[in-house]
Protein backbone atom coordinates (compact mmCIF):
# COMPACT_ATOMS: atom_id res chain seq x y z
CA UNK A 1 0.00 0.00 0.00
CA UNK A 2 1.15 3.60 -0.63
CA UNK A 3 2.10 6.13 2.02
CA UNK A 4 -0.56 6.28 4.72
CA UNK A 5 -1.83 9.82 5.30
CA UNK A 6 -5.20 9.23 6.99
CA UNK A 7 -6.69 7.00 9.65
CA UNK A 8 -10.06 5.25 9.39
CA UNK A 9 -11.49 3.75 12.57
CA UNK A 10 -14.33 1.23 12.57
CA UNK A 11 -16.07 0.66 15.89
CA UNK A 12 -17.82 -2.50 17.03
CA UNK A 13 -19.54 -3.20 20.32
CA UNK A 14 -21.26 -6.49 19.69
CA UNK A 15 -20.50 -10.10 18.95
CA UNK A 16 -22.25 -9.87 15.57
CA UNK A 17 -20.01 -7.91 13.22
CA UNK A 18 -21.58 -7.58 9.79
CA UNK A 19 -19.55 -8.23 6.67
CA UNK A 20 -21.11 -5.08 5.23
CA UNK A 21 -19.49 -2.78 7.79
CA UNK A 22 -16.17 -4.63 7.69
CA UNK A 23 -16.03 -4.48 3.88
CA UNK A 24 -17.04 -0.81 3.87
CA UNK A 25 -14.28 0.03 6.35
CA UNK A 26 -11.64 -1.84 4.35
CA UNK A 27 -12.73 -0.28 1.04
CA UNK A 28 -12.78 3.19 2.64
CA UNK A 29 -9.24 2.67 3.93
CA UNK A 30 -8.11 1.63 0.44
CA UNK A 31 -9.79 4.63 -1.26
CA UNK A 32 -8.35 7.09 1.25
CA UNK A 33 -4.93 5.41 1.37
CA UNK A 34 -5.49 5.16 5.10
CA UNK A 35 -4.57 2.79 7.84
CA UNK A 36 -7.48 1.04 9.52
CA UNK A 37 -8.07 0.88 13.25
CA UNK A 38 -10.59 -1.72 14.38
CA UNK A 39 -11.93 -0.78 17.80
CA UNK A 40 -13.83 -3.33 19.86
CA UNK A 41 -15.60 -1.54 22.71
CA UNK A 42 -16.74 -3.96 25.37
CA UNK A 43 -19.08 -2.96 28.11
CA UNK A 44 -17.48 -3.48 31.48
CA UNK A 45 -18.77 -6.54 33.32
CA UNK A 46 -21.21 -7.73 30.64
CA UNK A 47 -21.23 -11.25 32.13
CA UNK A 48 -22.13 -9.71 35.49
CA UNK A 49 -25.10 -7.97 33.90
CA UNK A 50 -26.26 -11.19 32.33
CA UNK A 51 -25.77 -12.89 35.68
CA UNK A 52 -28.02 -10.36 37.41
CA UNK A 53 -30.73 -11.05 34.84
CA UNK A 54 -30.28 -14.76 35.39
CA UNK A 55 -30.67 -14.43 39.16
CA UNK A 56 -34.39 -14.69 38.50
CA UNK A 57 -33.69 -18.35 37.88
CA UNK A 58 -31.94 -18.69 41.23
CA UNK A 59 -33.49 -22.10 41.73
CA UNK A 60 -30.52 -23.34 39.68
CA UNK A 61 -28.18 -22.53 42.54
CA UNK A 62 -25.17 -20.18 42.88
CA UNK A 63 -22.64 -22.66 41.47
CA UNK A 64 -24.67 -23.24 38.28
CA UNK A 65 -25.26 -19.48 37.83
CA UNK A 66 -21.54 -18.70 38.24
CA UNK A 67 -20.69 -21.42 35.72
CA UNK A 68 -23.24 -20.06 33.22
CA UNK A 69 -21.83 -16.52 33.58
CA UNK A 70 -18.32 -17.79 32.89
CA UNK A 71 -19.46 -19.79 29.85
CA UNK A 72 -21.26 -16.75 28.42
CA UNK A 73 -18.15 -14.62 28.91
CA UNK A 74 -15.92 -17.21 27.18
CA UNK A 75 -18.29 -17.80 24.24
CA UNK A 76 -18.79 -14.07 23.67
CA UNK A 77 -15.02 -13.53 23.67
CA UNK A 78 -14.49 -16.40 21.22
CA UNK A 79 -17.13 -15.01 18.83
CA UNK A 80 -15.56 -11.54 18.89
CA UNK A 81 -12.04 -12.87 18.32
CA UNK A 82 -13.25 -14.96 15.37
CA UNK A 83 -15.01 -11.97 13.78
CA UNK A 84 -12.01 -9.68 14.28
CA UNK A 85 -9.65 -12.31 12.84
CA UNK A 86 -11.82 -12.39 9.70
CA UNK A 87 -11.50 -8.61 9.33
CA UNK A 88 -7.73 -8.78 9.82
CA UNK A 89 -7.45 -11.45 7.15
CA UNK A 90 -9.53 -9.46 4.61
CA UNK A 91 -7.58 -6.27 5.30
CA UNK A 92 -4.20 -8.01 4.98
CA UNK A 93 -5.24 -9.62 1.69
CA UNK A 94 -5.97 -6.11 0.35
CA UNK A 95 -2.76 -4.60 1.75
CA UNK A 96 -4.42 -2.40 4.38
CA UNK A 97 -2.33 -1.54 7.44
CA UNK A 98 -4.51 -2.56 10.39
CA UNK A 99 -4.40 -2.01 14.14
CA UNK A 100 -6.77 -3.70 16.60
CA UNK A 101 -7.72 -2.15 19.91
CA UNK A 102 -9.97 -3.65 22.58
CA UNK A 103 -11.22 -1.42 25.38
CA UNK A 104 -13.68 -1.85 28.24
CA UNK A 105 -15.90 0.81 29.66
CA UNK A 106 -18.25 3.52 28.43
CA UNK A 107 -18.41 3.28 24.63
CA UNK A 108 -18.63 6.95 23.69
CA UNK A 109 -15.83 8.00 26.05
CA UNK A 110 -13.45 5.41 24.61
CA UNK A 111 -14.41 6.14 20.99
CA UNK A 112 -13.86 9.89 21.36
CA UNK A 113 -10.62 9.49 23.32
CA UNK A 114 -9.10 7.08 20.81
CA UNK A 115 -10.33 9.03 17.77
CA UNK A 116 -8.49 12.06 19.10
CA UNK A 117 -5.35 10.14 20.17
CA UNK A 118 -5.07 8.31 16.83
CA UNK A 119 -5.95 11.39 14.73
CA UNK A 120 -8.87 9.62 13.07
CA UNK A 121 -10.28 11.30 9.95
CA UNK A 122 -13.10 8.85 9.24
CA UNK A 123 -15.09 7.03 11.91
CA UNK A 124 -17.41 4.18 10.97
CA UNK A 125 -19.72 3.24 13.82
CA UNK A 126 -21.94 0.17 13.99
CA UNK A 127 -25.58 0.91 14.78
CA UNK A 128 -27.51 -1.24 17.22
CA UNK A 129 -30.62 -1.20 15.01
CA UNK A 130 -31.08 -0.02 11.43
CA UNK A 131 -33.93 2.42 10.95
CA UNK A 132 -34.94 0.84 7.66
CA UNK A 133 -34.01 -1.90 5.25
CA UNK A 134 -32.50 0.70 2.90
CA UNK A 135 -30.10 2.03 5.55
CA UNK A 136 -26.74 0.40 6.15
CA UNK A 137 -26.14 -0.96 9.68
CA UNK A 138 -23.54 1.76 10.33
CA UNK A 139 -22.91 5.50 10.12
CA UNK A 140 -19.84 7.31 8.80
CA UNK A 141 -18.49 10.36 10.61
CA UNK A 142 -15.87 12.59 8.97
CA UNK A 143 -13.55 14.43 11.34
CA UNK A 144 -11.11 17.25 10.67
CA UNK A 145 -8.75 18.61 13.34
CA UNK A 146 -10.73 16.79 16.03
CA UNK A 147 -14.04 18.35 14.97
CA UNK A 148 -16.94 16.43 13.38
CA UNK A 149 -17.42 17.80 9.86
CA UNK A 150 -20.24 15.58 8.63
CA UNK A 151 -22.32 12.51 9.37
CA UNK A 152 -23.33 10.16 6.55
CA UNK A 153 -25.89 7.38 6.74
CA UNK A 154 -25.01 5.18 3.74
CA UNK A 155 -27.57 3.14 1.88
CA UNK A 156 -27.24 -0.60 2.35
CA UNK A 157 -25.17 -2.49 -0.21
CA UNK A 158 -27.37 -5.55 0.05
């Protein structure tokens, strides 16, 4: 790949990472001759939250609940790692310089902090729910000198 002059960051916060957003991020990095940062934002203590929900089924007993929480945590981690590995592989095949970052804690705080630290020019953020079938499951935010310049809601490629 040619000299990198921009940084594109794609943000995920779920175990289901769509191919559409991954492909869009890689293609954007290629078009902009940019490096790609893949940010996985994990909510702190997600397995604890699930555990609290599961306490309603306390008839299972503390040991079973603790085991279920641990299994959920492991499976979720495995699914995320598999998805991120797929993105890395696609990006490498296309010659895109890629960096992976995993952070825990409040999503927006981490996204903004890292976007500023890494001098991100294009931010692609996964949406929890698409408003319509015509809308892509992500939004694109263009940043210049740390200031949001525009927000784009692409049409779906499907």
